[in-house]
């Protein structure tokens, strides 16, 4: 069988990627330390528990499975935490990724799909972002992802490591079949936090900043459905298997929604009132992040079919009501 090593495969996006890989005929091998992931989310292939900092453990896993590629999702990703504890982000996201890249290269696994972020772009007022936009991250999360992109380029030049880098915009939704979904500890993403507030499982949602230079004063983000996102990763893997060159792709829809617009849509989908309060801005947040790229569509043939706001909220709400992980 064709094995793909999926770091962070017990997490939100990684677990959905494992499902997509299995559907595409691959065997996803999850490598996860379960610090933020869930063992219950590993349903589509073998599981190997380990940390990215453990070079010997990584070498053993590469030797055991001989993967044809790596899909690297494992990372810390909370903007607020990245501002207050930058050292954790540099150590975990950069040092861990470097160890993984070295292990992959040593094992002769030279196809690498990397989960990056639009946070590498930073603040560009009134600019839709494409792959050529200057990268000027505002926090250690975006900066650490940019650093890993640079490492991949250097290893490509030195060792022939081919890579596809995906810079995500905001990921939302859940597997429509309900096998996996979004569950962070703690939860910080807007839509699941909002659904928990709607359901009375947490206090009212806080809007972080209402004085941004946007039509309603709240931040604007481009949202993409997690199932559309992981479909792009499978296409990226096949791109590399076809012998094509390393490439960077934005993954977004090109349409931005403000926090207030997401709140209104959530109320409409759930037919419930969204309890919220207004608070100050959160350090490290950009005003507007919206993709202006058509590269993924043109070159990968990627179409984000489920990435409408009502669909993303409906799938997330279904998972919120019916899905859970216990360990």
Protein backbone atom coordinates (compact mmCIF):
# COMPACT_ATOMS: atom_id res chain seq x y z
CA UNK A 1 0.00 0.00 0.00
CA UNK A 2 1.09 3.63 -0.50
CA UNK A 3 1.87 5.11 2.91
CA UNK A 4 1.82 8.83 3.72
CA UNK A 5 3.17 10.05 7.05
CA UNK A 6 0.70 12.56 8.52
CA UNK A 7 2.10 14.57 11.42
CA UNK A 8 -0.66 15.94 13.61
CA UNK A 9 -3.03 13.36 12.13
CA UNK A 10 -4.96 13.20 15.42
CA UNK A 11 -5.79 16.90 15.22
CA UNK A 12 -8.57 18.81 13.48
CA UNK A 13 -7.21 19.26 9.97
CA UNK A 14 -4.89 16.26 10.09
CA UNK A 15 -7.68 13.80 10.91
CA UNK A 16 -9.76 15.09 8.00
CA UNK A 17 -6.70 14.78 5.76
CA UNK A 18 -6.32 11.14 6.82
CA UNK A 19 -9.90 10.46 5.75
CA UNK A 20 -9.30 12.14 2.37
CA UNK A 21 -6.05 10.23 1.85
CA UNK A 22 -7.71 6.89 2.56
CA UNK A 23 -10.51 7.73 0.11
CA UNK A 24 -7.86 8.53 -2.51
CA UNK A 25 -6.17 5.13 -2.11
CA UNK A 26 -3.35 6.05 0.28
CA UNK A 27 -2.67 4.70 3.77
CA UNK A 28 -2.30 7.60 6.22
CA UNK A 29 0.14 6.89 9.05
CA UNK A 30 -0.61 9.29 11.89
CA UNK A 31 2.34 10.58 13.91
CA UNK A 32 1.11 12.63 16.87
CA UNK A 33 2.13 13.30 20.47
CA UNK A 34 -1.54 13.74 21.51
CA UNK A 35 -0.80 17.01 23.31
CA UNK A 36 -3.53 18.73 21.30
CA UNK A 37 -4.73 15.77 19.23
CA UNK A 38 -7.18 12.98 20.07
CA UNK A 39 -6.55 9.24 19.80
CA UNK A 40 -10.26 8.81 18.94
CA UNK A 41 -9.68 10.85 15.77
CA UNK A 42 -7.25 8.26 14.36
CA UNK A 43 -9.62 6.09 12.33
CA UNK A 44 -8.19 5.72 8.85
CA UNK A 45 -4.76 4.12 9.23
CA UNK A 46 -1.97 3.20 11.66
CA UNK A 47 -1.05 5.35 14.64
CA UNK A 48 2.44 6.05 15.92
CA UNK A 49 2.73 8.19 19.03
CA UNK A 50 5.77 10.41 19.12
CA UNK A 51 7.12 13.93 19.24
CA UNK A 52 8.67 15.88 16.39
CA UNK A 53 11.73 16.54 18.54
CA UNK A 54 12.49 12.79 18.76
CA UNK A 55 14.76 12.15 15.77
CA UNK A 56 15.31 8.48 16.62
CA UNK A 57 11.57 7.84 16.88
CA UNK A 58 10.98 9.57 13.55
CA UNK A 59 13.74 7.55 11.91
CA UNK A 60 12.16 4.31 13.17
CA UNK A 61 8.74 5.31 11.80
CA UNK A 62 10.20 6.22 8.40
CA UNK A 63 12.02 2.88 8.30
CA UNK A 64 8.90 0.92 9.31
CA UNK A 65 6.45 2.46 6.83
CA UNK A 66 8.67 3.81 4.02
CA UNK A 67 6.19 6.61 3.24
CA UNK A 68 6.06 8.12 -0.24
CA UNK A 69 5.40 11.56 1.24
CA UNK A 70 4.95 13.60 4.40
CA UNK A 71 1.93 15.76 5.18
CA UNK A 72 2.99 18.03 7.99
CA UNK A 73 0.18 19.53 10.09
CA UNK A 74 1.62 19.29 13.62
CA UNK A 75 2.06 22.78 15.08
CA UNK A 76 0.99 25.18 17.79
CA UNK A 77 -1.43 27.67 16.24
CA UNK A 78 -3.01 30.09 18.75
CA UNK A 79 -2.33 33.72 17.91
CA UNK A 80 -2.79 35.03 21.46
CA UNK A 81 -0.46 32.40 22.89
CA UNK A 82 2.08 33.10 20.15
CA UNK A 83 2.18 36.72 21.27
CA UNK A 84 2.66 35.89 24.97
CA UNK A 85 4.87 32.78 24.61
CA UNK A 86 6.85 33.18 21.39
CA UNK A 87 9.59 30.81 22.51
CA UNK A 88 7.18 27.87 22.51
CA UNK A 89 6.27 28.59 18.89
CA UNK A 90 9.84 28.90 17.67
CA UNK A 91 10.87 25.76 19.53
CA UNK A 92 7.89 23.59 18.63
CA UNK A 93 7.03 24.78 15.14
CA UNK A 94 10.52 25.49 13.79
CA UNK A 95 12.84 23.12 15.63
CA UNK A 96 10.27 20.30 15.42
CA UNK A 97 9.75 20.87 11.71
CA UNK A 98 13.49 20.98 11.06
CA UNK A 99 13.95 17.64 12.81
CA UNK A 100 11.12 16.16 10.75
CA UNK A 101 12.52 17.54 7.48
CA UNK A 102 15.97 16.17 8.29
CA UNK A 103 14.50 12.75 9.10
CA UNK A 104 12.46 12.70 5.89
CA UNK A 105 15.45 13.69 3.78
CA UNK A 106 17.69 11.09 5.45
CA UNK A 107 15.06 8.43 4.74
CA UNK A 108 14.83 9.42 1.08
CA UNK A 109 11.22 10.61 1.47
CA UNK A 110 11.47 13.66 -0.78
CA UNK A 111 7.82 14.68 -1.27
CA UNK A 112 6.61 17.07 1.42
CA UNK A 113 3.23 18.79 1.80
CA UNK A 114 3.30 21.58 4.38
CA UNK A 115 0.47 23.22 6.29
CA UNK A 116 1.35 26.91 6.36
CA UNK A 117 -0.88 29.94 6.93
CA UNK A 118 -2.00 33.28 5.58
CA UNK A 119 -0.67 34.67 8.88
CA UNK A 120 2.74 34.73 7.19
CA UNK A 121 1.50 37.77 5.20
CA UNK A 122 0.75 39.94 8.20
CA UNK A 123 -1.15 43.21 7.76
CA UNK A 124 -1.76 44.51 4.24
CA UNK A 125 -4.62 47.01 4.36
CA UNK A 126 -7.22 46.67 1.61
CA UNK A 127 -5.12 44.12 -0.30
CA UNK A 128 -6.35 40.72 -1.39
CA UNK A 129 -3.50 38.33 -0.82
CA UNK A 130 -1.83 36.13 -3.41
CA UNK A 131 1.29 34.00 -3.27
CA UNK A 132 3.52 36.94 -4.26
CA UNK A 133 2.34 39.22 -1.43
CA UNK A 134 5.26 40.13 0.88
CA UNK A 135 5.40 38.00 4.01
CA UNK A 136 5.45 40.27 7.07
CA UNK A 137 3.99 38.21 9.94
CA UNK A 138 2.66 39.97 13.02
CA UNK A 139 3.26 37.17 15.53
CA UNK A 140 5.43 34.15 16.30
CA UNK A 141 2.87 31.78 14.81
CA UNK A 142 3.07 33.34 11.34
CA UNK A 143 6.80 33.92 11.68
CA UNK A 144 7.46 30.30 12.63
CA UNK A 145 5.50 29.05 9.62
CA UNK A 146 7.41 31.40 7.32
CA UNK A 147 10.66 30.03 8.77
CA UNK A 148 9.63 26.45 7.95
CA UNK A 149 8.80 27.52 4.39
CA UNK A 150 12.36 28.84 4.14
CA UNK A 151 13.79 25.60 5.53
CA UNK A 152 11.88 23.62 2.89
CA UNK A 153 13.31 25.79 0.13
CA UNK A 154 16.85 25.34 1.45
CA UNK A 155 16.45 21.56 1.68
CA UNK A 156 15.00 21.56 -1.81
CA UNK A 157 18.09 23.28 -3.13
CA UNK A 158 20.48 21.08 -1.16
CA UNK A 159 18.84 17.65 -1.28
CA UNK A 160 16.11 17.73 -3.92
CA UNK A 161 13.27 17.79 -1.39
CA UNK A 162 10.12 18.67 -3.36
CA UNK A 163 7.41 20.49 -1.48
CA UNK A 164 3.93 21.95 -1.81
CA UNK A 165 3.19 24.72 0.68
CA UNK A 166 -0.43 25.57 1.43
CA UNK A 167 -1.12 28.92 3.07
CA UNK A 168 -4.52 28.54 4.68
CA UNK A 169 -7.07 31.13 5.43
CA UNK A 170 -9.58 30.36 8.24
CA UNK A 171 -10.56 26.70 8.31
CA UNK A 172 -14.08 25.78 9.42
CA UNK A 173 -16.70 23.06 9.23
CA UNK A 174 -16.44 19.34 9.85
CA UNK A 175 -16.66 16.00 8.11
CA UNK A 176 -20.28 15.76 6.87
CA UNK A 177 -20.30 12.05 7.74
CA UNK A 178 -19.55 12.90 11.37
CA UNK A 179 -16.54 10.59 11.69
CA UNK A 180 -14.17 13.39 12.70
CA UNK A 181 -14.60 17.04 13.60
CA UNK A 182 -13.15 20.06 15.35
CA UNK A 183 -12.33 19.78 19.03
CA UNK A 184 -9.51 21.84 20.52
CA UNK A 185 -8.46 22.18 24.12
CA UNK A 186 -8.88 25.01 24.74
CA UNK A 187 -11.15 25.98 21.86
CA UNK A 188 -10.23 29.34 20.34
CA UNK A 189 -11.64 29.24 16.80
CA UNK A 190 -14.54 31.58 16.17
CA UNK A 191 -17.20 29.19 14.83
CA UNK A 192 -16.88 26.38 17.44
CA UNK A 193 -16.59 28.94 20.24
CA UNK A 194 -19.76 30.58 18.96
CA UNK A 195 -21.59 27.24 18.73
CA UNK A 196 -20.60 26.39 22.29
CA UNK A 197 -21.93 29.75 23.42
CA UNK A 198 -25.18 29.20 21.51
CA UNK A 199 -25.51 25.80 23.21
CA UNK A 200 -24.85 27.22 26.68
CA UNK A 201 -21.60 25.24 27.07
CA UNK A 202 -19.48 28.34 27.61
CA UNK A 203 -20.01 32.02 28.44
CA UNK A 204 -20.94 34.51 25.77
CA UNK A 205 -18.62 34.87 22.80
CA UNK A 206 -16.29 37.86 23.00
CA UNK A 207 -15.77 39.95 19.87
CA UNK A 208 -12.11 40.97 20.03
CA UNK A 209 -12.19 44.51 18.69
CA UNK A 210 -15.02 46.52 17.17
CA UNK A 211 -13.01 49.51 15.94
CA UNK A 212 -11.21 48.01 12.95
CA UNK A 213 -11.33 49.80 9.60
CA UNK A 214 -14.03 47.52 8.19
CA UNK A 215 -17.70 48.16 7.37
CA UNK A 216 -18.91 46.93 10.77
CA UNK A 217 -15.72 47.46 12.80
CA UNK A 218 -14.84 43.78 13.23
CA UNK A 219 -12.06 41.74 11.63
CA UNK A 220 -12.65 40.15 8.23
CA UNK A 221 -11.48 36.65 7.37
CA UNK A 222 -11.70 34.30 4.40
CA UNK A 223 -13.16 30.93 5.45
CA UNK A 224 -12.60 27.57 3.75
CA UNK A 225 -14.31 24.27 4.57
CA UNK A 226 -11.97 21.70 6.09
CA UNK A 227 -13.07 19.03 3.58
CA UNK A 228 -12.25 21.35 0.67
CA UNK A 229 -8.93 22.15 2.33
CA UNK A 230 -7.85 18.52 2.67
CA UNK A 231 -8.97 17.76 -0.88
CA UNK A 232 -6.39 20.35 -1.95
CA UNK A 233 -3.73 18.47 0.03
CA UNK A 234 -4.44 15.26 -1.86
CA UNK A 235 -4.17 17.20 -5.11
CA UNK A 236 -0.90 18.70 -3.87
CA UNK A 237 0.45 15.25 -3.10
CA UNK A 238 -0.46 14.02 -6.56
CA UNK A 239 1.19 17.15 -8.01
CA UNK A 240 4.46 16.06 -6.40
CA UNK A 241 4.02 12.43 -7.42
CA UNK A 242 3.63 13.60 -11.01
CA UNK A 243 7.15 15.03 -10.77
CA UNK A 244 6.16 18.68 -10.82
CA UNK A 245 8.17 21.44 -9.21
CA UNK A 246 7.80 22.77 -5.68
CA UNK A 247 4.94 25.25 -5.39
CA UNK A 248 3.09 27.55 -2.99
CA UNK A 249 -0.70 27.79 -3.02
CA UNK A 250 -3.13 29.97 -1.08
CA UNK A 251 -6.26 28.13 0.04
CA UNK A 252 -9.19 30.49 0.44
CA UNK A 253 -12.39 31.39 -1.37
CA UNK A 254 -11.66 35.05 -2.10
CA UNK A 255 -14.67 36.14 -0.04
CA UNK A 256 -14.29 37.69 3.39
CA UNK A 257 -16.72 37.61 6.30
CA UNK A 258 -16.59 39.88 9.32
CA UNK A 259 -17.02 38.51 12.83
CA UNK A 260 -20.47 40.07 12.99
CA UNK A 261 -21.44 38.47 9.67
CA UNK A 262 -20.38 35.05 10.97
CA UNK A 263 -22.44 35.63 14.12
CA UNK A 264 -25.50 36.52 12.04
CA UNK A 265 -25.04 33.45 9.81
CA UNK A 266 -24.68 31.17 12.83
CA UNK A 267 -27.89 32.47 14.33
CA UNK A 268 -29.68 31.87 11.04
CA UNK A 269 -28.36 28.29 10.61
CA UNK A 270 -28.98 27.18 14.19
CA UNK A 271 -32.16 29.22 14.62
CA UNK A 272 -30.80 30.36 17.98
CA UNK A 273 -29.59 33.63 19.41
CA UNK A 274 -25.83 34.06 19.62
CA UNK A 275 -24.81 35.47 23.04
CA UNK A 276 -21.83 37.77 22.69
CA UNK A 277 -20.02 40.67 24.33
CA UNK A 278 -17.59 43.21 22.94
CA UNK A 279 -13.99 43.43 24.08
CA UNK A 280 -10.72 45.12 23.11
CA UNK A 281 -8.57 44.11 20.18
CA UNK A 282 -6.41 41.05 20.53
CA UNK A 283 -2.69 41.63 19.94
CA UNK A 284 -1.40 40.09 16.71
CA UNK A 285 -4.70 40.15 14.79
CA UNK A 286 -4.73 41.59 11.28
CA UNK A 287 -7.69 43.69 10.12
CA UNK A 288 -8.44 41.75 6.96
CA UNK A 289 -7.11 38.49 5.50
CA UNK A 290 -8.70 37.48 2.20
CA UNK A 291 -7.22 35.39 -0.59
CA UNK A 292 -6.91 36.93 -4.03
CA UNK A 293 -5.33 33.85 -5.55
CA UNK A 294 -6.66 31.61 -8.32
CA UNK A 295 -3.49 29.51 -8.54
CA UNK A 296 -4.90 26.44 -6.76
CA UNK A 297 -7.89 26.41 -9.10
CA UNK A 298 -5.83 26.97 -12.22
CA UNK A 299 -2.97 24.60 -11.49
CA UNK A 300 -4.38 21.95 -9.14
CA UNK A 301 -7.94 22.00 -10.43
CA UNK A 302 -9.14 22.71 -6.89
CA UNK A 303 -12.73 23.84 -6.34
CA UNK A 304 -13.90 24.66 -2.77
CA UNK A 305 -17.36 23.13 -3.18
CA UNK A 306 -18.48 23.16 0.48
CA UNK A 307 -17.01 26.53 1.45
CA UNK A 308 -20.18 28.56 1.86
CA UNK A 309 -20.75 30.06 5.28
CA UNK A 310 -24.11 28.30 5.85
CA UNK A 311 -22.61 24.92 4.87
CA UNK A 312 -19.54 25.33 7.08
CA UNK A 313 -21.66 26.32 10.06
CA UNK A 314 -24.21 23.55 9.44
CA UNK A 315 -21.51 20.86 9.30
CA UNK A 316 -19.80 22.28 12.39
CA UNK A 317 -23.13 22.44 14.23
CA UNK A 318 -23.92 18.82 13.37
CA UNK A 319 -20.55 17.72 14.74
CA UNK A 320 -20.98 19.93 17.81
CA UNK A 321 -24.30 18.27 18.61
CA UNK A 322 -23.39 14.66 17.79
CA UNK A 323 -19.63 14.21 17.74
CA UNK A 324 -17.09 14.00 20.54
CA UNK A 325 -13.70 12.59 21.45
CA UNK A 326 -12.87 10.93 24.74
CA UNK A 327 -9.16 10.24 24.40
